[in-house]
Amino acid sequence: MLTVKEHITISIFALVVSAFLGVILGYVCAVNKKSEKWIVSVFQILRIVPSLAILFLLIPVMGTGFQPAMTAA
């Protein structure tokens, strides 16, 4: 069972990683319009699969804890 501290750590880490990737990929999209089509398409496909479903698929392989939670986030 996750403690409050672990939950906050996972949430902050996921926010930082996603913001970092978002800024970098947003810059790439702004500079190179050809790559924008591919980047947006990949992330639209990834939005279809909910994080909870990914987490349930990862638990048998990775167990529970920080690593599968971050992978699903």
PDB file of N, CA and C in Angstrom:
ATOM      1  N   MET A   1       0.845  -1.174   0.000  1.00  0.00           N
ATOM      2  CA  MET A   1       0.000   0.000   0.000  1.00  0.00           C
ATOM      3  C   MET A   1       0.897   1.246   0.000  1.00  0.00           C
ATOM      4  N   LEU A   2       0.553   2.196  -0.836  1.00  0.00           N
ATOM      5  CA  LEU A   2       1.334   3.423  -0.922  1.00  0.00           C
ATOM      6  C   LEU A   2       1.037   4.363   0.239  1.00  0.00           C
ATOM      7  N   THR A   3       2.080   4.974   0.733  1.00  0.00           N
ATOM      8  CA  THR A   3       1.886   5.980   1.763  1.00  0.00           C
ATOM      9  C   THR A   3       1.622   7.319   1.076  1.00  0.00           C
ATOM     10  N   VAL A   4       1.233   8.291   1.842  1.00  0.00           N
ATOM     11  CA  VAL A   4       0.960   9.625   1.294  1.00  0.00           C
ATOM     12  C   VAL A   4       2.238  10.212   0.696  1.00  0.00           C
ATOM     13  N   LYS A   5       3.359  10.013   1.370  1.00  0.00           N
ATOM     14  CA  LYS A   5       4.639  10.537   0.882  1.00  0.00           C
ATOM     15  C   LYS A   5       4.999   9.918  -0.470  1.00  0.00           C
ATOM     16  N   GLU A   6       4.820   8.600  -0.602  1.00  0.00           N
ATOM     17  CA  GLU A   6       5.114   7.929  -1.870  1.00  0.00           C
ATOM     18  C   GLU A   6       4.187   8.423  -2.979  1.00  0.00           C
ATOM     19  N   HIS A   7       2.928   8.617  -2.651  1.00  0.00           N
ATOM     20  CA  HIS A   7       1.964   9.094  -3.637  1.00  0.00           C
ATOM     21  C   HIS A   7       2.328  10.496  -4.125  1.00  0.00           C
ATOM     22  N   ILE A   8       2.689  11.377  -3.206  1.00  0.00           N
ATOM     23  CA  ILE A   8       3.079  12.741  -3.584  1.00  0.00           C
ATOM     24  C   ILE A   8       4.354  12.711  -4.419  1.00  0.00           C
ATOM     25  N   THR A   9       5.317  11.856  -4.051  1.00  0.00           N
ATOM     26  CA  THR A   9       6.560  11.732  -4.812  1.00  0.00           C
ATOM     27  C   THR A   9       6.288  11.272  -6.239  1.00  0.00           C
ATOM     28  N   ILE A  10       5.465  10.257  -6.393  1.00  0.00           N
ATOM     29  CA  ILE A  10       5.123   9.756  -7.727  1.00  0.00           C
ATOM     30  C   ILE A  10       4.404  10.838  -8.528  1.00  0.00           C
ATOM     31  N   SER A  11       3.483  11.546  -7.916  1.00  0.00           N
ATOM     32  CA  SER A  11       2.729  12.588  -8.620  1.00  0.00           C
ATOM     33  C   SER A  11       3.629  13.729  -9.074  1.00  0.00           C
ATOM     34  N   ILE A  12       4.520  14.177  -8.202  1.00  0.00           N
ATOM     35  CA  ILE A  12       5.420  15.273  -8.567  1.00  0.00           C
ATOM     36  C   ILE A  12       6.399  14.829  -9.644  1.00  0.00           C
ATOM     37  N   PHE A  13       6.940  13.621  -9.510  1.00  0.00           N
ATOM     38  CA  PHE A  13       7.873  13.118 -10.507  1.00  0.00           C
ATOM     39  C   PHE A  13       7.195  12.989 -11.874  1.00  0.00           C
ATOM     40  N   ALA A  14       5.964  12.469 -11.896  1.00  0.00           N
ATOM     41  CA  ALA A  14       5.228  12.345 -13.159  1.00  0.00           C
ATOM     42  C   ALA A  14       4.961  13.715 -13.771  1.00  0.00           C
ATOM     43  N   LEU A  15       4.644  14.701 -12.953  1.00  0.00           N
ATOM     44  CA  LEU A  15       4.401  16.058 -13.444  1.00  0.00           C
ATOM     45  C   LEU A  15       5.664  16.663 -14.041  1.00  0.00           C
ATOM     46  N   VAL A  16       6.793  16.498 -13.368  1.00  0.00           N
ATOM     47  CA  VAL A  16       8.057  17.052 -13.858  1.00  0.00           C
ATOM     48  C   VAL A  16       8.472  16.391 -15.172  1.00  0.00           C
ATOM     49  N   VAL A  17       8.385  15.077 -15.229  1.00  0.00           N
ATOM     50  CA  VAL A  17       8.761  14.360 -16.458  1.00  0.00           C
ATOM     51  C   VAL A  17       7.854  14.753 -17.616  1.00  0.00           C
ATOM     52  N   SER A  18       6.552  14.803 -17.380  1.00  0.00           N
ATOM     53  CA  SER A  18       5.628  15.152 -18.466  1.00  0.00           C
ATOM     54  C   SER A  18       5.793  16.603 -18.910  1.00  0.00           C
ATOM     55  N   ALA A  19       6.054  17.508 -17.980  1.00  0.00           N
ATOM     56  CA  ALA A  19       6.290  18.908 -18.360  1.00  0.00           C
ATOM     57  C   ALA A  19       7.570  19.036 -19.170  1.00  0.00           C
ATOM     58  N   PHE A  20       8.611  18.324 -18.759  1.00  0.00           N
ATOM     59  CA  PHE A  20       9.887  18.342 -19.479  1.00  0.00           C
ATOM     60  C   PHE A  20       9.704  17.827 -20.906  1.00  0.00           C
ATOM     61  N   LEU A  21       9.039  16.671 -21.039  1.00  0.00           N
ATOM     62  CA  LEU A  21       8.791  16.120 -22.377  1.00  0.00           C
ATOM     63  C   LEU A  21       7.882  17.034 -23.193  1.00  0.00           C
ATOM     64  N   GLY A  22       6.877  17.601 -22.561  1.00  0.00           N
ATOM     65  CA  GLY A  22       5.949  18.481 -23.268  1.00  0.00           C
ATOM     66  C   GLY A  22       6.621  19.721 -23.819  1.00  0.00           C
ATOM     67  N   VAL A  23       7.500  20.329 -23.030  1.00  0.00           N
ATOM     68  CA  VAL A  23       8.206  21.530 -23.490  1.00  0.00           C
ATOM     69  C   VAL A  23       9.141  21.187 -24.649  1.00  0.00           C
ATOM     70  N   ILE A  24       9.899  20.103 -24.497  1.00  0.00           N
ATOM     71  CA  ILE A  24      10.829  19.718 -25.560  1.00  0.00           C
ATOM     72  C   ILE A  24      10.089  19.355 -26.844  1.00  0.00           C
ATOM     73  N   LEU A  25       9.066  18.514 -26.738  1.00  0.00           N
ATOM     74  CA  LEU A  25       8.332  18.110 -27.938  1.00  0.00           C
ATOM     75  C   LEU A  25       7.520  19.261 -28.516  1.00  0.00           C
ATOM     76  N   GLY A  26       7.037  20.157 -27.676  1.00  0.00           N
ATOM     77  CA  GLY A  26       6.344  21.345 -28.174  1.00  0.00           C
ATOM     78  C   GLY A  26       7.279  22.228 -28.977  1.00  0.00           C
ATOM     79  N   TYR A  27       8.511  22.383 -28.512  1.00  0.00           N
ATOM     80  CA  TYR A  27       9.516  23.156 -29.252  1.00  0.00           C
ATOM     81  C   TYR A  27       9.824  22.494 -30.598  1.00  0.00           C
ATOM     82  N   VAL A  28       9.982  21.173 -30.585  1.00  0.00           N
ATOM     83  CA  VAL A  28      10.248  20.443 -31.830  1.00  0.00           C
ATOM     84  C   VAL A  28       9.096  20.635 -32.806  1.00  0.00           C
ATOM     85  N   CYS A  29       7.869  20.573 -32.316  1.00  0.00           N
ATOM     86  CA  CYS A  29       6.699  20.772 -33.179  1.00  0.00           C
ATOM     87  C   CYS A  29       6.648  22.189 -33.746  1.00  0.00           C
ATOM     88  N   ALA A  30       7.021  23.173 -32.937  1.00  0.00           N
ATOM     89  CA  ALA A  30       6.996  24.562 -33.400  1.00  0.00           C
ATOM     90  C   ALA A  30       8.058  24.827 -34.449  1.00  0.00           C
ATOM     91  N   VAL A  31       9.203  24.184 -34.314  1.00  0.00           N
ATOM     92  CA  VAL A  31      10.315  24.407 -35.238  1.00  0.00           C
ATOM     93  C   VAL A  31      10.147  23.595 -36.515  1.00  0.00           C
ATOM     94  N   ASN A  32       9.707  22.350 -36.377  1.00  0.00           N
ATOM     95  CA  ASN A  32       9.635  21.450 -37.528  1.00  0.00           C
ATOM     96  C   ASN A  32       8.193  20.974 -37.713  1.00  0.00           C
ATOM     97  N   LYS A  33       7.497  21.565 -38.655  1.00  0.00           N
ATOM     98  CA  LYS A  33       6.077  21.238 -38.871  1.00  0.00           C
ATOM     99  C   LYS A  33       5.871  19.804 -39.338  1.00  0.00           C
ATOM    100  N   LYS A  34       6.871  19.223 -40.017  1.00  0.00           N
ATOM    101  CA  LYS A  34       6.730  17.854 -40.489  1.00  0.00           C
ATOM    102  C   LYS A  34       6.707  16.870 -39.308  1.00  0.00           C
ATOM    103  N   SER A  35       7.520  17.115 -38.305  1.00  0.00           N
ATOM    104  CA  SER A  35       7.538  16.225 -37.143  1.00  0.00           C
ATOM    105  C   SER A  35       6.304  16.425 -36.259  1.00  0.00           C
ATOM    106  N   GLU A  36       5.672  17.582 -36.367  1.00  0.00           N
ATOM    107  CA  GLU A  36       4.478  17.858 -35.556  1.00  0.00           C
ATOM    108  C   GLU A  36       3.390  16.822 -35.828  1.00  0.00           C
ATOM    109  N   LYS A  37       3.188  16.482 -37.073  1.00  0.00           N
ATOM    110  CA  LYS A  37       2.152  15.517 -37.446  1.00  0.00           C
ATOM    111  C   LYS A  37       2.395  14.174 -36.756  1.00  0.00           C
ATOM    112  N   TRP A  38       3.640  13.718 -36.754  1.00  0.00           N
ATOM    113  CA  TRP A  38       3.955  12.423 -36.163  1.00  0.00           C
ATOM    114  C   TRP A  38       3.879  12.452 -34.642  1.00  0.00           C
ATOM    115  N   ILE A  39       4.389  13.495 -34.053  1.00  0.00           N
ATOM    116  CA  ILE A  39       4.383  13.593 -32.589  1.00  0.00           C
ATOM    117  C   ILE A  39       2.948  13.662 -32.057  1.00  0.00           C
ATOM    118  N   VAL A  40       2.136  14.494 -32.673  1.00  0.00           N
ATOM    119  CA  VAL A  40       0.743  14.621 -32.243  1.00  0.00           C
ATOM    120  C   VAL A  40      -0.003  13.296 -32.452  1.00  0.00           C
ATOM    121  N   SER A  41       0.256  12.620 -33.552  1.00  0.00           N
ATOM    122  CA  SER A  41      -0.407  11.335 -33.825  1.00  0.00           C
ATOM    123  C   SER A  41      -0.050  10.287 -32.779  1.00  0.00           C
ATOM    124  N   VAL A  42       1.224  10.203 -32.417  1.00  0.00           N
ATOM    125  CA  VAL A  42       1.651   9.226 -31.411  1.00  0.00           C
ATOM    126  C   VAL A  42       0.977   9.500 -30.071  1.00  0.00           C
ATOM    127  N   PHE A  43       0.930  10.757 -29.659  1.00  0.00           N
ATOM    128  CA  PHE A  43       0.333  11.065 -28.363  1.00  0.00           C
ATOM    129  C   PHE A  43      -1.185  10.935 -28.381  1.00  0.00           C
ATOM    130  N   GLN A  44      -1.818  11.121 -29.512  1.00  0.00           N
ATOM    131  CA  GLN A  44      -3.263  10.880 -29.605  1.00  0.00           C
ATOM    132  C   GLN A  44      -3.561   9.394 -29.444  1.00  0.00           C
ATOM    133  N   ILE A  45      -2.692   8.549 -30.013  1.00  0.00           N
ATOM    134  CA  ILE A  45      -2.866   7.095 -29.852  1.00  0.00           C
ATOM    135  C   ILE A  45      -2.652   6.699 -28.400  1.00  0.00           C
ATOM    136  N   LEU A  46      -1.636   7.273 -27.759  1.00  0.00           N
ATOM    137  CA  LEU A  46      -1.358   6.939 -26.356  1.00  0.00           C
ATOM    138  C   LEU A  46      -2.485   7.376 -25.427  1.00  0.00           C
ATOM    139  N   ARG A  47      -3.223   8.413 -25.790  1.00  0.00           N
ATOM    140  CA  ARG A  47      -4.344   8.873 -24.955  1.00  0.00           C
ATOM    141  C   ARG A  47      -5.494   7.881 -24.931  1.00  0.00           C
ATOM    142  N   ILE A  48      -5.571   7.017 -25.938  1.00  0.00           N
ATOM    143  CA  ILE A  48      -6.655   6.042 -26.016  1.00  0.00           C
ATOM    144  C   ILE A  48      -6.558   5.022 -24.882  1.00  0.00           C
ATOM    145  N   VAL A  49      -5.322   4.619 -24.537  1.00  0.00           N
ATOM    146  CA  VAL A  49      -5.127   3.597 -23.511  1.00  0.00           C
ATOM    147  C   VAL A  49      -5.017   4.275 -22.146  1.00  0.00           C
ATOM    148  N   PRO A  50      -5.963   4.028 -21.262  1.00  0.00           N
ATOM    149  CA  PRO A  50      -5.915   4.669 -19.940  1.00  0.00           C
ATOM    150  C   PRO A  50      -4.720   4.181 -19.113  1.00  0.00           C
ATOM    151  N   SER A  51      -4.215   5.043 -18.261  1.00  0.00           N
ATOM    152  CA  SER A  51      -3.070   4.705 -17.413  1.00  0.00           C
ATOM    153  C   SER A  51      -3.371   3.527 -16.499  1.00  0.00           C
ATOM    154  N   LEU A  52      -4.595   3.425 -16.037  1.00  0.00           N
ATOM    155  CA  LEU A  52      -4.952   2.335 -15.137  1.00  0.00           C
ATOM    156  C   LEU A  52      -4.837   0.984 -15.839  1.00  0.00           C
ATOM    157  N   ALA A  53      -5.224   0.926 -17.105  1.00  0.00           N
ATOM    158  CA  ALA A  53      -5.103  -0.324 -17.863  1.00  0.00           C
ATOM    159  C   ALA A  53      -3.635  -0.699 -18.044  1.00  0.00           C
ATOM    160  N   ILE A  54      -2.792   0.282 -18.314  1.00  0.00           N
ATOM    161  CA  ILE A  54      -1.360   0.017 -18.454  1.00  0.00           C
ATOM    162  C   ILE A  54      -0.795  -0.480 -17.131  1.00  0.00           C
ATOM    163  N   LEU A  55      -1.210   0.134 -16.044  1.00  0.00           N
ATOM    164  CA  LEU A  55      -0.731  -0.275 -14.728  1.00  0.00           C
ATOM    165  C   LEU A  55      -1.122  -1.717 -14.435  1.00  0.00           C
ATOM    166  N   PHE A  56      -2.351  -2.108 -14.738  1.00  0.00           N
ATOM    167  CA  PHE A  56      -2.781  -3.484 -14.498  1.00  0.00           C
ATOM    168  C   PHE A  56      -1.993  -4.470 -15.350  1.00  0.00           C
ATOM    169  N   LEU A  57      -1.594  -4.057 -16.549  1.00  0.00           N
ATOM    170  CA  LEU A  57      -0.785  -4.938 -17.389  1.00  0.00           C
ATOM    171  C   LEU A  57       0.656  -5.039 -16.884  1.00  0.00           C
ATOM    172  N   LEU A  58       1.144  -3.991 -16.244  1.00  0.00           N
ATOM    173  CA  LEU A  58       2.527  -3.976 -15.770  1.00  0.00           C
ATOM    174  C   LEU A  58       2.724  -4.658 -14.421  1.00  0.00           C
ATOM    175  N   ILE A  59       1.701  -4.738 -13.605  1.00  0.00           N
ATOM    176  CA  ILE A  59       1.848  -5.307 -12.263  1.00  0.00           C
ATOM    177  C   ILE A  59       2.380  -6.746 -12.298  1.00  0.00           C
ATOM    178  N   PRO A  60       1.878  -7.633 -13.160  1.00  0.00           N
ATOM    179  CA  PRO A  60       2.445  -8.990 -13.172  1.00  0.00           C
ATOM    180  C   PRO A  60       3.915  -9.024 -13.604  1.00  0.00           C
ATOM    181  N   VAL A  61       4.322  -8.095 -14.432  1.00  0.00           N
ATOM    182  CA  VAL A  61       5.686  -8.083 -14.946  1.00  0.00           C
ATOM    183  C   VAL A  61       6.646  -7.360 -13.996  1.00  0.00           C
ATOM    184  N   MET A  62       6.246  -6.175 -13.532  1.00  0.00           N
ATOM    185  CA  MET A  62       7.136  -5.320 -12.751  1.00  0.00           C
ATOM    186  C   MET A  62       6.834  -5.327 -11.259  1.00  0.00           C
ATOM    187  N   GLY A  63       5.722  -5.898 -10.851  1.00  0.00           N
ATOM    188  CA  GLY A  63       5.341  -5.841  -9.448  1.00  0.00           C
ATOM    189  C   GLY A  63       4.678  -4.499  -9.136  1.00  0.00           C
ATOM    190  N   THR A  64       4.590  -4.178  -7.867  1.00  0.00           N
ATOM    191  CA  THR A  64       3.985  -2.908  -7.464  1.00  0.00           C
ATOM    192  C   THR A  64       5.071  -1.956  -6.997  1.00  0.00           C
ATOM    193  N   GLY A  65       4.753  -0.690  -6.968  1.00  0.00           N
ATOM    194  CA  GLY A  65       5.704   0.306  -6.471  1.00  0.00           C
ATOM    195  C   GLY A  65       5.904   1.461  -7.427  1.00  0.00           C
ATOM    196  N   PHE A  66       7.041   2.093  -7.271  1.00  0.00           N
ATOM    197  CA  PHE A  66       7.344   3.347  -7.973  1.00  0.00           C
ATOM    198  C   PHE A  66       7.513   3.136  -9.491  1.00  0.00           C
ATOM    199  N   GLN A  67       8.295   2.142  -9.892  1.00  0.00           N
ATOM    200  CA  GLN A  67       8.611   1.960 -11.310  1.00  0.00           C
ATOM    201  C   GLN A  67       7.372   1.692 -12.178  1.00  0.00           C
ATOM    202  N   PRO A  68       6.495   0.754 -11.845  1.00  0.00           N
ATOM    203  CA  PRO A  68       5.317   0.574 -12.695  1.00  0.00           C
ATOM    204  C   PRO A  68       4.364   1.779 -12.655  1.00  0.00           C
ATOM    205  N   ALA A  69       4.288   2.460 -11.519  1.00  0.00           N
ATOM    206  CA  ALA A  69       3.428   3.639 -11.429  1.00  0.00           C
ATOM    207  C   ALA A  69       3.945   4.754 -12.341  1.00  0.00           C
ATOM    208  N   MET A  70       5.250   4.938 -12.398  1.00  0.00           N
ATOM    209  CA  MET A  70       5.825   5.968 -13.265  1.00  0.00           C
ATOM    210  C   MET A  70       5.702   5.573 -14.731  1.00  0.00           C
ATOM    211  N   THR A  71       5.842   4.309 -15.032  1.00  0.00           N
ATOM    212  CA  THR A  71       5.692   3.851 -16.411  1.00  0.00           C
ATOM    213  C   THR A  71       4.264   4.075 -16.890  1.00  0.00           C
ATOM    214  N   ALA A  72       3.291   3.820 -16.042  1.00  0.00           N
ATOM    215  CA  ALA A  72       1.893   4.018 -16.411  1.00  0.00           C
ATOM    216  C   ALA A  72       1.526   5.490 -16.492  1.00  0.00           C
ATOM    217  N   ALA A  73       2.176   6.322 -15.708  1.00  0.00           N
ATOM    218  CA  ALA A  73       1.863   7.749 -15.694  1.00  0.00           C
ATOM    219  C   ALA A  73       2.352   8.365 -16.967  1.00  0.00           C
TER     220      ALA A  73
END
